Amino acid sequence: MVIHTKPFDAAEYLETEEDIAAYLKEVFEAGNAALIAAALGTVARARGISGIAKETGLTRETLYRALSPEGNPTLSTLAAVTDALGFRLSIEPKEAA
């Protein structure tokens, strides 16, 4: 019997605001810059990359490139994308170990 698989795409499972918020919270807490960029890209695809591009004033190609695991988005790009997604960047102290 042949098993058919398809690549996993987290964007297919981000259906509610709560799903997206929980996903981004976990990724941001991990603190890995490449993972953060990729996660924002995943959420942007789930929401519609064309609409995010229009709202941020960036091209779709720029967003795909910046929000990929190999991307290195600027802080202004991160701020614009998170704002367009309906979230905000914030800082809070680490919990004591």
PDB file of N, CA and C in Angstrom:
ATOM      1  N   MET A   1       0.840  -1.175   0.000  1.00  0.00           N
ATOM      2  CA  MET A   1       0.000   0.000   0.000  1.00  0.00           C
ATOM      3  C   MET A   1       0.890   1.245   0.000  1.00  0.00           C
ATOM      4  N   VAL A   2       0.602   2.167  -0.870  1.00  0.00           N
ATOM      5  CA  VAL A   2       1.352   3.406  -0.995  1.00  0.00           C
ATOM      6  C   VAL A   2       0.709   4.462  -0.105  1.00  0.00           C
ATOM      7  N   ILE A   3       1.524   5.127   0.666  1.00  0.00           N
ATOM      8  CA  ILE A   3       1.046   6.222   1.508  1.00  0.00           C
ATOM      9  C   ILE A   3       1.332   7.532   0.798  1.00  0.00           C
ATOM     10  N   HIS A   4       0.298   8.319   0.605  1.00  0.00           N
ATOM     11  CA  HIS A   4       0.446   9.629  -0.037  1.00  0.00           C
ATOM     12  C   HIS A   4       0.464  10.701   1.044  1.00  0.00           C
ATOM     13  N   THR A   5       1.423  11.574   0.969  1.00  0.00           N
ATOM     14  CA  THR A   5       1.536  12.655   1.932  1.00  0.00           C
ATOM     15  C   THR A   5       1.574  13.990   1.208  1.00  0.00           C
ATOM     16  N   LYS A   6       1.337  15.019   1.947  1.00  0.00           N
ATOM     17  CA  LYS A   6       1.484  16.365   1.403  1.00  0.00           C
ATOM     18  C   LYS A   6       2.223  17.192   2.435  1.00  0.00           C
ATOM     19  N   PRO A   7       2.925  18.240   2.011  1.00  0.00           N
ATOM     20  CA  PRO A   7       3.667  19.077   2.966  1.00  0.00           C
ATOM     21  C   PRO A   7       2.718  19.722   3.977  1.00  0.00           C
ATOM     22  N   PHE A   8       3.176  19.802   5.211  1.00  0.00           N
ATOM     23  CA  PHE A   8       2.395  20.456   6.264  1.00  0.00           C
ATOM     24  C   PHE A   8       2.440  21.954   6.058  1.00  0.00           C
ATOM     25  N   ASP A   9       1.304  22.608   6.169  1.00  0.00           N
ATOM     26  CA  ASP A   9       1.221  24.061   6.063  1.00  0.00           C
ATOM     27  C   ASP A   9       0.394  24.572   7.237  1.00  0.00           C
ATOM     28  N   ALA A  10       1.064  25.187   8.196  1.00  0.00           N
ATOM     29  CA  ALA A  10       0.385  25.687   9.395  1.00  0.00           C
ATOM     30  C   ALA A  10      -0.700  26.697   9.048  1.00  0.00           C
ATOM     31  N   ALA A  11      -0.564  27.400   7.924  1.00  0.00           N
ATOM     32  CA  ALA A  11      -1.551  28.409   7.533  1.00  0.00           C
ATOM     33  C   ALA A  11      -2.944  27.805   7.386  1.00  0.00           C
ATOM     34  N   GLU A  12      -3.020  26.522   7.041  1.00  0.00           N
ATOM     35  CA  GLU A  12      -4.308  25.860   6.875  1.00  0.00           C
ATOM     36  C   GLU A  12      -5.046  25.675   8.205  1.00  0.00           C
ATOM     37  N   TYR A  13      -4.323  25.778   9.327  1.00  0.00           N
ATOM     38  CA  TYR A  13      -4.909  25.519  10.635  1.00  0.00           C
ATOM     39  C   TYR A  13      -5.118  26.787  11.473  1.00  0.00           C
ATOM     40  N   LEU A  14      -4.728  27.922  10.946  1.00  0.00           N
ATOM     41  CA  LEU A  14      -4.884  29.189  11.671  1.00  0.00           C
ATOM     42  C   LEU A  14      -6.205  29.824  11.261  1.00  0.00           C
ATOM     43  N   GLU A  15      -7.265  29.376  11.907  1.00  0.00           N
ATOM     44  CA  GLU A  15      -8.603  29.785  11.489  1.00  0.00           C
ATOM     45  C   GLU A  15      -9.188  30.928  12.304  1.00  0.00           C
ATOM     46  N   THR A  16      -8.814  31.052  13.572  1.00  0.00           N
ATOM     47  CA  THR A  16      -9.402  32.087  14.429  1.00  0.00           C
ATOM     48  C   THR A  16      -8.317  33.029  14.946  1.00  0.00           C
ATOM     49  N   GLU A  17      -8.765  34.163  15.462  1.00  0.00           N
ATOM     50  CA  GLU A  17      -7.832  35.114  16.079  1.00  0.00           C
ATOM     51  C   GLU A  17      -7.084  34.460  17.236  1.00  0.00           C
ATOM     52  N   GLU A  18      -7.789  33.619  17.983  1.00  0.00           N
ATOM     53  CA  GLU A  18      -7.168  32.938  19.122  1.00  0.00           C
ATOM     54  C   GLU A  18      -6.083  31.974  18.653  1.00  0.00           C
ATOM     55  N   ASP A  19      -6.335  31.251  17.555  1.00  0.00           N
ATOM     56  CA  ASP A  19      -5.329  30.352  16.975  1.00  0.00           C
ATOM     57  C   ASP A  19      -4.077  31.139  16.608  1.00  0.00           C
ATOM     58  N   ILE A  20      -4.289  32.244  15.918  1.00  0.00           N
ATOM     59  CA  ILE A  20      -3.171  33.061  15.446  1.00  0.00           C
ATOM     60  C   ILE A  20      -2.405  33.662  16.615  1.00  0.00           C
ATOM     61  N   ALA A  21      -3.119  34.201  17.587  1.00  0.00           N
ATOM     62  CA  ALA A  21      -2.470  34.809  18.755  1.00  0.00           C
ATOM     63  C   ALA A  21      -1.639  33.777  19.515  1.00  0.00           C
ATOM     64  N   ALA A  22      -2.182  32.587  19.717  1.00  0.00           N
ATOM     65  CA  ALA A  22      -1.447  31.542  20.442  1.00  0.00           C
ATOM     66  C   ALA A  22      -0.214  31.108  19.665  1.00  0.00           C
ATOM     67  N   TYR A  23      -0.354  30.960  18.358  1.00  0.00           N
ATOM     68  CA  TYR A  23       0.767  30.575  17.496  1.00  0.00           C
ATOM     69  C   TYR A  23       1.891  31.610  17.568  1.00  0.00           C
ATOM     70  N   LEU A  24       1.537  32.885  17.376  1.00  0.00           N
ATOM     71  CA  LEU A  24       2.557  33.938  17.406  1.00  0.00           C
ATOM     72  C   LEU A  24       3.183  34.083  18.789  1.00  0.00           C
ATOM     73  N   LYS A  25       2.393  33.931  19.836  1.00  0.00           N
ATOM     74  CA  LYS A  25       2.924  34.041  21.200  1.00  0.00           C
ATOM     75  C   LYS A  25       3.994  32.983  21.441  1.00  0.00           C
ATOM     76  N   GLU A  26       3.727  31.761  21.060  1.00  0.00           N
ATOM     77  CA  GLU A  26       4.699  30.677  21.241  1.00  0.00           C
ATOM     78  C   GLU A  26       5.976  30.935  20.445  1.00  0.00           C
ATOM     79  N   VAL A  27       5.803  31.374  19.221  1.00  0.00           N
ATOM     80  CA  VAL A  27       6.971  31.617  18.363  1.00  0.00           C
ATOM     81  C   VAL A  27       7.812  32.770  18.901  1.00  0.00           C
ATOM     82  N   PHE A  28       7.164  33.855  19.289  1.00  0.00           N
ATOM     83  CA  PHE A  28       7.913  34.999  19.813  1.00  0.00           C
ATOM     84  C   PHE A  28       8.621  34.639  21.117  1.00  0.00           C
ATOM     85  N   GLU A  29       7.996  33.819  21.950  1.00  0.00           N
ATOM     86  CA  GLU A  29       8.633  33.416  23.199  1.00  0.00           C
ATOM     87  C   GLU A  29       9.861  32.540  22.952  1.00  0.00           C
ATOM     88  N   ALA A  30       9.872  31.814  21.848  1.00  0.00           N
ATOM     89  CA  ALA A  30      11.042  30.995  21.512  1.00  0.00           C
ATOM     90  C   ALA A  30      12.247  31.882  21.204  1.00  0.00           C
ATOM     91  N   GLY A  31      11.994  33.073  20.660  1.00  0.00           N
ATOM     92  CA  GLY A  31      13.061  34.044  20.446  1.00  0.00           C
ATOM     93  C   GLY A  31      13.954  33.796  19.246  1.00  0.00           C
ATOM     94  N   ASN A  32      13.570  32.906  18.364  1.00  0.00           N
ATOM     95  CA  ASN A  32      14.371  32.618  17.169  1.00  0.00           C
ATOM     96  C   ASN A  32      13.910  33.533  16.038  1.00  0.00           C
ATOM     97  N   ALA A  33      14.791  34.418  15.576  1.00  0.00           N
ATOM     98  CA  ALA A  33      14.429  35.431  14.581  1.00  0.00           C
ATOM     99  C   ALA A  33      13.909  34.810  13.287  1.00  0.00           C
ATOM    100  N   ALA A  34      14.549  33.754  12.800  1.00  0.00           N
ATOM    101  CA  ALA A  34      14.110  33.112  11.560  1.00  0.00           C
ATOM    102  C   ALA A  34      12.724  32.500  11.735  1.00  0.00           C
ATOM    103  N   LEU A  35      12.480  31.918  12.889  1.00  0.00           N
ATOM    104  CA  LEU A  35      11.178  31.316  13.171  1.00  0.00           C
ATOM    105  C   LEU A  35      10.097  32.389  13.275  1.00  0.00           C
ATOM    106  N   ILE A  36      10.431  33.518  13.878  1.00  0.00           N
ATOM    107  CA  ILE A  36       9.473  34.625  13.986  1.00  0.00           C
ATOM    108  C   ILE A  36       9.095  35.136  12.599  1.00  0.00           C
ATOM    109  N   ALA A  37      10.084  35.355  11.746  1.00  0.00           N
ATOM    110  CA  ALA A  37       9.813  35.831  10.390  1.00  0.00           C
ATOM    111  C   ALA A  37       8.944  34.835   9.634  1.00  0.00           C
ATOM    112  N   ALA A  38       9.285  33.556   9.724  1.00  0.00           N
ATOM    113  CA  ALA A  38       8.517  32.528   9.023  1.00  0.00           C
ATOM    114  C   ALA A  38       7.090  32.437   9.562  1.00  0.00           C
ATOM    115  N   ALA A  39       6.922  32.559  10.874  1.00  0.00           N
ATOM    116  CA  ALA A  39       5.586  32.486  11.472  1.00  0.00           C
ATOM    117  C   ALA A  39       4.726  33.662  11.024  1.00  0.00           C
ATOM    118  N   LEU A  40       5.299  34.852  10.969  1.00  0.00           N
ATOM    119  CA  LEU A  40       4.546  36.005  10.472  1.00  0.00           C
ATOM    120  C   LEU A  40       4.161  35.792   9.009  1.00  0.00           C
ATOM    121  N   GLY A  41       5.054  35.182   8.249  1.00  0.00           N
ATOM    122  CA  GLY A  41       4.737  34.849   6.860  1.00  0.00           C
ATOM    123  C   GLY A  41       3.601  33.848   6.765  1.00  0.00           C
ATOM    124  N   THR A  42       3.606  32.870   7.645  1.00  0.00           N
ATOM    125  CA  THR A  42       2.537  31.871   7.678  1.00  0.00           C
ATOM    126  C   THR A  42       1.196  32.527   7.985  1.00  0.00           C
ATOM    127  N   VAL A  43       1.184  33.408   8.977  1.00  0.00           N
ATOM    128  CA  VAL A  43      -0.051  34.102   9.342  1.00  0.00           C
ATOM    129  C   VAL A  43      -0.498  35.019   8.203  1.00  0.00           C
ATOM    130  N   ALA A  44       0.443  35.698   7.569  1.00  0.00           N
ATOM    131  CA  ALA A  44       0.100  36.572   6.442  1.00  0.00           C
ATOM    132  C   ALA A  44      -0.523  35.759   5.310  1.00  0.00           C
ATOM    133  N   ARG A  45       0.011  34.580   5.035  1.00  0.00           N
ATOM    134  CA  ARG A  45      -0.581  33.720   4.002  1.00  0.00           C
ATOM    135  C   ARG A  45      -1.972  33.259   4.417  1.00  0.00           C
ATOM    136  N   ALA A  46      -2.151  32.935   5.704  1.00  0.00           N
ATOM    137  CA  ALA A  46      -3.458  32.495   6.190  1.00  0.00           C
ATOM    138  C   ALA A  46      -4.495  33.601   6.051  1.00  0.00           C
ATOM    139  N   ARG A  47      -4.078  34.829   6.233  1.00  0.00           N
ATOM    140  CA  ARG A  47      -4.981  35.984   6.159  1.00  0.00           C
ATOM    141  C   ARG A  47      -5.136  36.522   4.738  1.00  0.00           C
ATOM    142  N   GLY A  48      -4.187  36.216   3.875  1.00  0.00           N
ATOM    143  CA  GLY A  48      -4.199  36.734   2.505  1.00  0.00           C
ATOM    144  C   GLY A  48      -3.054  37.699   2.305  1.00  0.00           C
ATOM    145  N   ILE A  49      -2.005  37.215   1.695  1.00  0.00           N
ATOM    146  CA  ILE A  49      -0.778  38.002   1.552  1.00  0.00           C
ATOM    147  C   ILE A  49      -1.007  39.268   0.721  1.00  0.00           C
ATOM    148  N   SER A  50      -1.923  39.223  -0.238  1.00  0.00           N
ATOM    149  CA  SER A  50      -2.180  40.412  -1.066  1.00  0.00           C
ATOM    150  C   SER A  50      -2.754  41.555  -0.238  1.00  0.00           C
ATOM    151  N   GLY A  51      -3.681  41.244   0.662  1.00  0.00           N
ATOM    152  CA  GLY A  51      -4.252  42.276   1.525  1.00  0.00           C
ATOM    153  C   GLY A  51      -3.241  42.850   2.484  1.00  0.00           C
ATOM    154  N   ILE A  52      -2.377  41.982   3.020  1.00  0.00           N
ATOM    155  CA  ILE A  52      -1.324  42.442   3.933  1.00  0.00           C
ATOM    156  C   ILE A  52      -0.350  43.339   3.168  1.00  0.00           C
ATOM    157  N   ALA A  53      -0.012  42.956   1.946  1.00  0.00           N
ATOM    158  CA  ALA A  53       0.893  43.765   1.125  1.00  0.00           C
ATOM    159  C   ALA A  53       0.285  45.143   0.878  1.00  0.00           C
ATOM    160  N   LYS A  54      -0.984  45.165   0.525  1.00  0.00           N
ATOM    161  CA  LYS A  54      -1.646  46.446   0.256  1.00  0.00           C
ATOM    162  C   LYS A  54      -1.660  47.323   1.509  1.00  0.00           C
ATOM    163  N   GLU A  55      -1.971  46.724   2.654  1.00  0.00           N
ATOM    164  CA  GLU A  55      -2.065  47.505   3.890  1.00  0.00           C
ATOM    165  C   GLU A  55      -0.707  48.015   4.364  1.00  0.00           C
ATOM    166  N   THR A  56       0.351  47.249   4.130  1.00  0.00           N
ATOM    167  CA  THR A  56       1.686  47.667   4.579  1.00  0.00           C
ATOM    168  C   THR A  56       2.411  48.542   3.569  1.00  0.00           C
ATOM    169  N   GLY A  57       1.938  48.543   2.326  1.00  0.00           N
ATOM    170  CA  GLY A  57       2.617  49.297   1.287  1.00  0.00           C
ATOM    171  C   GLY A  57       3.828  48.569   0.718  1.00  0.00           C
ATOM    172  N   LEU A  58       3.956  47.302   1.059  1.00  0.00           N
ATOM    173  CA  LEU A  58       5.054  46.481   0.548  1.00  0.00           C
ATOM    174  C   LEU A  58       4.522  45.561  -0.546  1.00  0.00           C
ATOM    175  N   THR A  59       5.400  45.116  -1.435  1.00  0.00           N
ATOM    176  CA  THR A  59       4.956  44.192  -2.479  1.00  0.00           C
ATOM    177  C   THR A  59       4.822  42.785  -1.904  1.00  0.00           C
ATOM    178  N   ARG A  60       4.030  41.970  -2.580  1.00  0.00           N
ATOM    179  CA  ARG A  60       3.890  40.575  -2.165  1.00  0.00           C
ATOM    180  C   ARG A  60       5.246  39.878  -2.178  1.00  0.00           C
ATOM    181  N   GLU A  61       6.033  40.152  -3.198  1.00  0.00           N
ATOM    182  CA  GLU A  61       7.340  39.519  -3.320  1.00  0.00           C
ATOM    183  C   GLU A  61       8.251  39.901  -2.153  1.00  0.00           C
ATOM    184  N   THR A  62       8.207  41.168  -1.762  1.00  0.00           N
ATOM    185  CA  THR A  62       9.002  41.634  -0.626  1.00  0.00           C
ATOM    186  C   THR A  62       8.575  40.912   0.648  1.00  0.00           C
ATOM    187  N   LEU A  63       7.272  40.777   0.842  1.00  0.00           N
ATOM    188  CA  LEU A  63       6.782  40.081   2.029  1.00  0.00           C
ATOM    189  C   LEU A  63       7.178  38.613   2.017  1.00  0.00           C
ATOM    190  N   TYR A  64       6.996  37.943   0.888  1.00  0.00           N
ATOM    191  CA  TYR A  64       7.388  36.537   0.810  1.00  0.00           C
ATOM    192  C   TYR A  64       8.865  36.365   1.130  1.00  0.00           C
ATOM    193  N   ARG A  65       9.688  37.242   0.594  1.00  0.00           N
ATOM    194  CA  ARG A  65      11.136  37.163   0.809  1.00  0.00           C
ATOM    195  C   ARG A  65      11.497  37.472   2.267  1.00  0.00           C
ATOM    196  N   ALA A  66      10.958  38.552   2.812  1.00  0.00           N
ATOM    197  CA  ALA A  66      11.300  38.968   4.179  1.00  0.00           C
ATOM    198  C   ALA A  66      10.750  38.012   5.226  1.00  0.00           C
ATOM    199  N   LEU A  67       9.577  37.439   4.960  1.00  0.00           N
ATOM    200  CA  LEU A  67       8.915  36.597   5.961  1.00  0.00           C
ATOM    201  C   LEU A  67       9.085  35.110   5.665  1.00  0.00           C
ATOM    202  N   SER A  68      10.228  34.772   5.127  1.00  0.00           N
ATOM    203  CA  SER A  68      10.573  33.369   4.910  1.00  0.00           C
ATOM    204  C   SER A  68      11.588  32.957   5.970  1.00  0.00           C
ATOM    205  N   PRO A  69      11.829  31.670   6.156  1.00  0.00           N
ATOM    206  CA  PRO A  69      12.839  31.242   7.139  1.00  0.00           C
ATOM    207  C   PRO A  69      14.236  31.821   6.842  1.00  0.00           C
ATOM    208  N   GLU A  70      14.499  32.136   5.588  1.00  0.00           N
ATOM    209  CA  GLU A  70      15.791  32.713   5.223  1.00  0.00           C
ATOM    210  C   GLU A  70      15.765  34.238   5.241  1.00  0.00           C
ATOM    211  N   GLY A  71      14.599  34.823   5.438  1.00  0.00           N
ATOM    212  CA  GLY A  71      14.456  36.273   5.407  1.00  0.00           C
ATOM    213  C   GLY A  71      15.047  36.936   6.644  1.00  0.00           C
ATOM    214  N   ASN A  72      15.267  38.219   6.509  1.00  0.00           N
ATOM    215  CA  ASN A  72      15.782  39.010   7.619  1.00  0.00           C
ATOM    216  C   ASN A  72      15.064  40.359   7.600  1.00  0.00           C
ATOM    217  N   PRO A  73      13.781  40.357   8.015  1.00  0.00           N
ATOM    218  CA  PRO A  73      13.001  41.586   7.914  1.00  0.00           C
ATOM    219  C   PRO A  73      13.512  42.671   8.856  1.00  0.00           C
ATOM    220  N   THR A  74      13.328  43.905   8.413  1.00  0.00           N
ATOM    221  CA  THR A  74      13.684  45.031   9.268  1.00  0.00           C
ATOM    222  C   THR A  74      12.624  45.184  10.357  1.00  0.00           C
ATOM    223  N   LEU A  75      12.970  45.940  11.367  1.00  0.00           N
ATOM    224  CA  LEU A  75      12.005  46.192  12.442  1.00  0.00           C
ATOM    225  C   LEU A  75      10.783  46.915  11.895  1.00  0.00           C
ATOM    226  N   SER A  76      10.973  47.818  10.954  1.00  0.00           N
ATOM    227  CA  SER A  76       9.819  48.530  10.398  1.00  0.00           C
ATOM    228  C   SER A  76       8.913  47.575   9.624  1.00  0.00           C
ATOM    229  N   THR A  77       9.473  46.580   8.955  1.00  0.00           N
ATOM    230  CA  THR A  77       8.657  45.586   8.262  1.00  0.00           C
ATOM    231  C   THR A  77       7.886  44.747   9.272  1.00  0.00           C
ATOM    232  N   LEU A  78       8.567  44.310  10.338  1.00  0.00           N
ATOM    233  CA  LEU A  78       7.889  43.533  11.380  1.00  0.00           C
ATOM    234  C   LEU A  78       6.747  44.325  12.006  1.00  0.00           C
ATOM    235  N   ALA A  79       6.993  45.593  12.299  1.00  0.00           N
ATOM    236  CA  ALA A  79       5.964  46.433  12.910  1.00  0.00           C
ATOM    237  C   ALA A  79       4.786  46.622  11.952  1.00  0.00           C
ATOM    238  N   ALA A  80       5.064  46.858  10.688  1.00  0.00           N
ATOM    239  CA  ALA A  80       3.994  47.061   9.710  1.00  0.00           C
ATOM    240  C   ALA A  80       3.163  45.796   9.528  1.00  0.00           C
ATOM    241  N   VAL A  81       3.814  44.649   9.468  1.00  0.00           N
ATOM    242  CA  VAL A  81       3.101  43.389   9.272  1.00  0.00           C
ATOM    243  C   VAL A  81       2.271  43.040  10.501  1.00  0.00           C
ATOM    244  N   THR A  82       2.860  43.164  11.682  1.00  0.00           N
ATOM    245  CA  THR A  82       2.081  42.838  12.881  1.00  0.00           C
ATOM    246  C   THR A  82       0.884  43.781  13.021  1.00  0.00           C
ATOM    247  N   ASP A  83       1.062  45.048  12.673  1.00  0.00           N
ATOM    248  CA  ASP A  83      -0.055  45.997  12.714  1.00  0.00           C
ATOM    249  C   ASP A  83      -1.131  45.602  11.705  1.00  0.00           C
ATOM    250  N   ALA A  84      -0.726  45.250  10.496  1.00  0.00           N
ATOM    251  CA  ALA A  84      -1.681  44.854   9.464  1.00  0.00           C
ATOM    252  C   ALA A  84      -2.430  43.575   9.855  1.00  0.00           C
ATOM    253  N   LEU A  85      -1.784  42.729  10.651  1.00  0.00           N
ATOM    254  CA  LEU A  85      -2.417  41.498  11.117  1.00  0.00           C
ATOM    255  C   LEU A  85      -3.319  41.733  12.324  1.00  0.00           C
ATOM    256  N   GLY A  86      -3.284  42.969  12.856  1.00  0.00           N
ATOM    257  CA  GLY A  86      -4.125  43.295  14.004  1.00  0.00           C
ATOM    258  C   GLY A  86      -3.476  43.005  15.341  1.00  0.00           C
ATOM    259  N   PHE A  87      -2.150  42.937  15.351  1.00  0.00           N
ATOM    260  CA  PHE A  87      -1.401  42.696  16.581  1.00  0.00           C
ATOM    261  C   PHE A  87      -0.413  43.829  16.787  1.00  0.00           C
ATOM    262  N   ARG A  88       0.249  43.835  17.922  1.00  0.00           N
ATOM    263  CA  ARG A  88       1.280  44.828  18.180  1.00  0.00           C
ATOM    264  C   ARG A  88       2.483  44.135  18.809  1.00  0.00           C
ATOM    265  N   LEU A  89       3.633  44.704  18.554  1.00  0.00           N
ATOM    266  CA  LEU A  89       4.862  44.218  19.189  1.00  0.00           C
ATOM    267  C   LEU A  89       4.927  44.833  20.582  1.00  0.00           C
ATOM    268  N   SER A  90       5.326  44.055  21.559  1.00  0.00           N
ATOM    269  CA  SER A  90       5.489  44.597  22.900  1.00  0.00           C
ATOM    270  C   SER A  90       6.634  43.872  23.589  1.00  0.00           C
ATOM    271  N   ILE A  91       7.071  44.462  24.681  1.00  0.00           N
ATOM    272  CA  ILE A  91       8.181  43.888  25.450  1.00  0.00           C
ATOM    273  C   ILE A  91       7.718  43.702  26.875  1.00  0.00           C
ATOM    274  N   GLU A  92       8.080  42.586  27.456  1.00  0.00           N
ATOM    275  CA  GLU A  92       7.807  42.352  28.867  1.00  0.00           C
ATOM    276  C   GLU A  92       8.998  41.634  29.475  1.00  0.00           C
ATOM    277  N   PRO A  93       9.191  41.776  30.751  1.00  0.00           N
ATOM    278  CA  PRO A  93      10.349  41.160  31.377  1.00  0.00           C
ATOM    279  C   PRO A  93      10.254  39.624  31.353  1.00  0.00           C
ATOM    280  N   LYS A  94      11.432  39.007  31.308  1.00  0.00           N
ATOM    281  CA  LYS A  94      11.485  37.555  31.404  1.00  0.00           C
ATOM    282  C   LYS A  94      11.089  37.133  32.804  1.00  0.00           C
ATOM    283  N   GLU A  95      10.513  35.973  32.897  1.00  0.00           N
ATOM    284  CA  GLU A  95      10.186  35.443  34.211  1.00  0.00           C
ATOM    285  C   GLU A  95      11.461  34.940  34.864  1.00  0.00           C
ATOM    286  N   ALA A  96      11.558  35.084  36.186  1.00  0.00           N
ATOM    287  CA  ALA A  96      12.731  34.615  36.905  1.00  0.00           C
ATOM    288  C   ALA A  96      12.809  33.095  36.805  1.00  0.00           C
ATOM    289  N   ALA A  97      14.017  32.594  36.650  1.00  0.00           N
ATOM    290  CA  ALA A  97      14.196  31.141  36.481  1.00  0.00           C
ATOM    291  C   ALA A  97      14.041  30.373  37.760  1.00  0.00           C
TER     292      ALA A  97
END
